[in-house]
Amino acid sequence: MSTRKPPRCPGCGKPVVAQFDPFCSQGCRDRDLLKWLDEGYRIPGPPADPEAE
């Protein structure tokens, strides 16, 4: 017997809607995209060397 919880939207925590998976709505999907485009998410790594390019 599985007691697995239904997936939740990473933006607001509401239940996921299949049409917008893994989000609950187009609004949460768009906000997540805007956060990526505005460099709101960052992946740690060494500093970039602008002279290397």
N, C-alpha and C. Protein backbone atom coordinates (compact mmCIF):
# COMPACT_ATOMS: atom_id res chain seq x y z
N MET A 1 0.84 -1.18 0.00
CA MET A 1 0.00 0.00 0.00
C MET A 1 0.89 1.24 0.00
N SER A 2 0.63 2.15 -0.92
CA SER A 2 1.44 3.35 -1.05
C SER A 2 0.76 4.53 -0.33
N THR A 3 1.55 5.25 0.45
CA THR A 3 1.04 6.44 1.13
C THR A 3 1.73 7.67 0.56
N ARG A 4 2.01 7.63 -0.72
CA ARG A 4 2.70 8.72 -1.40
C ARG A 4 1.78 9.93 -1.52
N LYS A 5 2.31 11.11 -1.17
CA LYS A 5 1.53 12.33 -1.25
C LYS A 5 1.46 12.81 -2.70
N PRO A 6 0.35 13.45 -3.08
CA PRO A 6 0.26 13.99 -4.44
C PRO A 6 1.28 15.11 -4.63
N PRO A 7 1.80 15.27 -5.85
CA PRO A 7 2.81 16.32 -6.07
C PRO A 7 2.25 17.72 -5.83
N ARG A 8 3.12 18.60 -5.37
CA ARG A 8 2.74 19.98 -5.07
C ARG A 8 3.54 20.93 -5.95
N CYS A 9 2.94 22.06 -6.26
CA CYS A 9 3.57 23.11 -7.05
C CYS A 9 4.78 23.65 -6.28
N PRO A 10 5.96 23.74 -6.94
CA PRO A 10 7.13 24.26 -6.24
C PRO A 10 7.02 25.77 -5.96
N GLY A 11 6.12 26.45 -6.63
CA GLY A 11 5.97 27.89 -6.43
C GLY A 11 5.10 28.25 -5.25
N CYS A 12 3.96 27.56 -5.12
CA CYS A 12 3.00 27.97 -4.07
C CYS A 12 2.54 26.83 -3.18
N GLY A 13 2.81 25.59 -3.57
CA GLY A 13 2.42 24.45 -2.74
C GLY A 13 1.05 23.88 -3.02
N LYS A 14 0.32 24.44 -3.98
CA LYS A 14 -0.99 23.90 -4.35
C LYS A 14 -0.80 22.61 -5.15
N PRO A 15 -1.85 21.79 -5.26
CA PRO A 15 -1.74 20.56 -6.05
C PRO A 15 -1.39 20.86 -7.51
N VAL A 16 -0.59 19.99 -8.10
CA VAL A 16 -0.16 20.12 -9.49
C VAL A 16 -1.33 19.84 -10.43
N VAL A 17 -1.41 20.62 -11.52
CA VAL A 17 -2.40 20.41 -12.58
C VAL A 17 -1.64 19.83 -13.77
N ALA A 18 -2.13 18.72 -14.33
CA ALA A 18 -1.42 18.02 -15.40
C ALA A 18 -1.05 18.94 -16.56
N GLN A 19 -1.90 19.86 -16.91
CA GLN A 19 -1.66 20.76 -18.04
C GLN A 19 -0.42 21.64 -17.81
N PHE A 20 -0.11 21.96 -16.55
CA PHE A 20 1.00 22.86 -16.23
C PHE A 20 2.11 22.16 -15.46
N ASP A 21 2.11 20.85 -15.44
CA ASP A 21 3.06 20.04 -14.68
C ASP A 21 4.48 20.55 -14.84
N PRO A 22 5.23 20.80 -13.80
CA PRO A 22 5.00 20.48 -12.40
C PRO A 22 4.39 21.62 -11.59
N PHE A 23 3.71 22.55 -12.25
CA PHE A 23 3.12 23.69 -11.56
C PHE A 23 1.61 23.53 -11.46
N CYS A 24 0.97 24.46 -10.73
CA CYS A 24 -0.49 24.39 -10.54
C CYS A 24 -1.23 25.27 -11.55
N SER A 25 -0.53 26.23 -12.15
CA SER A 25 -1.19 27.17 -13.06
C SER A 25 -0.17 27.81 -13.99
N GLN A 26 -0.67 28.49 -15.00
CA GLN A 26 0.20 29.21 -15.92
C GLN A 26 0.92 30.34 -15.19
N GLY A 27 0.26 30.93 -14.20
CA GLY A 27 0.87 32.01 -13.43
C GLY A 27 2.13 31.55 -12.69
N CYS A 28 2.04 30.41 -12.02
CA CYS A 28 3.21 29.89 -11.30
C CYS A 28 4.30 29.49 -12.29
N ARG A 29 3.91 28.93 -13.40
CA ARG A 29 4.87 28.55 -14.44
C ARG A 29 5.61 29.79 -14.96
N ASP A 30 4.87 30.87 -15.23
CA ASP A 30 5.47 32.10 -15.73
C ASP A 30 6.38 32.76 -14.69
N ARG A 31 5.96 32.76 -13.43
CA ARG A 31 6.79 33.35 -12.38
C ARG A 31 8.12 32.61 -12.25
N ASP A 32 8.07 31.28 -12.38
CA ASP A 32 9.29 30.49 -12.31
C ASP A 32 10.21 30.82 -13.48
N LEU A 33 9.67 30.94 -14.69
CA LEU A 33 10.46 31.29 -15.86
C LEU A 33 11.10 32.67 -15.68
N LEU A 34 10.32 33.63 -15.19
CA LEU A 34 10.85 34.97 -14.97
C LEU A 34 11.99 34.98 -13.96
N LYS A 35 11.87 34.13 -12.95
CA LYS A 35 12.94 34.05 -11.95
C LYS A 35 14.22 33.52 -12.59
N TRP A 36 14.10 32.53 -13.49
CA TRP A 36 15.28 32.02 -14.21
C TRP A 36 15.86 33.11 -15.09
N LEU A 37 15.01 33.81 -15.83
CA LEU A 37 15.49 34.83 -16.77
C LEU A 37 16.11 36.03 -16.06
N ASP A 38 15.67 36.30 -14.85
CA ASP A 38 16.19 37.43 -14.08
C ASP A 38 17.36 37.01 -13.18
N GLU A 39 17.87 35.80 -13.41
CA GLU A 39 18.98 35.23 -12.64
C GLU A 39 18.66 35.11 -11.16
N GLY A 40 17.40 34.83 -10.85
CA GLY A 40 16.99 34.62 -9.46
C GLY A 40 17.45 33.28 -8.92
N TYR A 41 17.69 32.33 -9.82
CA TYR A 41 18.25 31.03 -9.44
C TYR A 41 19.72 31.04 -9.84
N ARG A 42 20.56 30.52 -8.99
CA ARG A 42 21.99 30.47 -9.29
C ARG A 42 22.53 29.10 -8.92
N ILE A 43 23.47 28.65 -9.71
CA ILE A 43 24.13 27.39 -9.45
C ILE A 43 25.55 27.73 -9.00
N PRO A 44 25.96 27.26 -7.81
CA PRO A 44 27.29 27.61 -7.31
C PRO A 44 28.39 27.06 -8.22
N GLY A 45 29.43 27.81 -8.35
CA GLY A 45 30.57 27.40 -9.15
C GLY A 45 31.67 28.42 -9.03
N PRO A 46 32.79 28.14 -9.68
CA PRO A 46 33.90 29.09 -9.61
C PRO A 46 33.54 30.37 -10.35
N PRO A 47 34.15 31.49 -9.99
CA PRO A 47 33.88 32.74 -10.69
C PRO A 47 34.28 32.63 -12.16
N ALA A 48 33.52 33.27 -13.01
CA ALA A 48 33.83 33.28 -14.44
C ALA A 48 35.02 34.20 -14.68
N ASP A 49 35.90 33.80 -15.59
CA ASP A 49 37.05 34.61 -15.95
C ASP A 49 36.77 35.29 -17.28
N PRO A 50 36.42 36.59 -17.27
CA PRO A 50 36.07 37.28 -18.52
C PRO A 50 37.22 37.36 -19.52
N GLU A 51 38.48 37.26 -19.06
CA GLU A 51 39.62 37.32 -19.97
C GLU A 51 39.85 36.01 -20.70
N ALA A 52 39.25 34.92 -20.21
CA ALA A 52 39.43 33.61 -20.84
C ALA A 52 38.65 33.47 -22.14
N GLU A 53 37.69 34.32 -22.37
CA GLU A 53 36.85 34.20 -23.56
C GLU A 53 37.46 34.80 -24.77
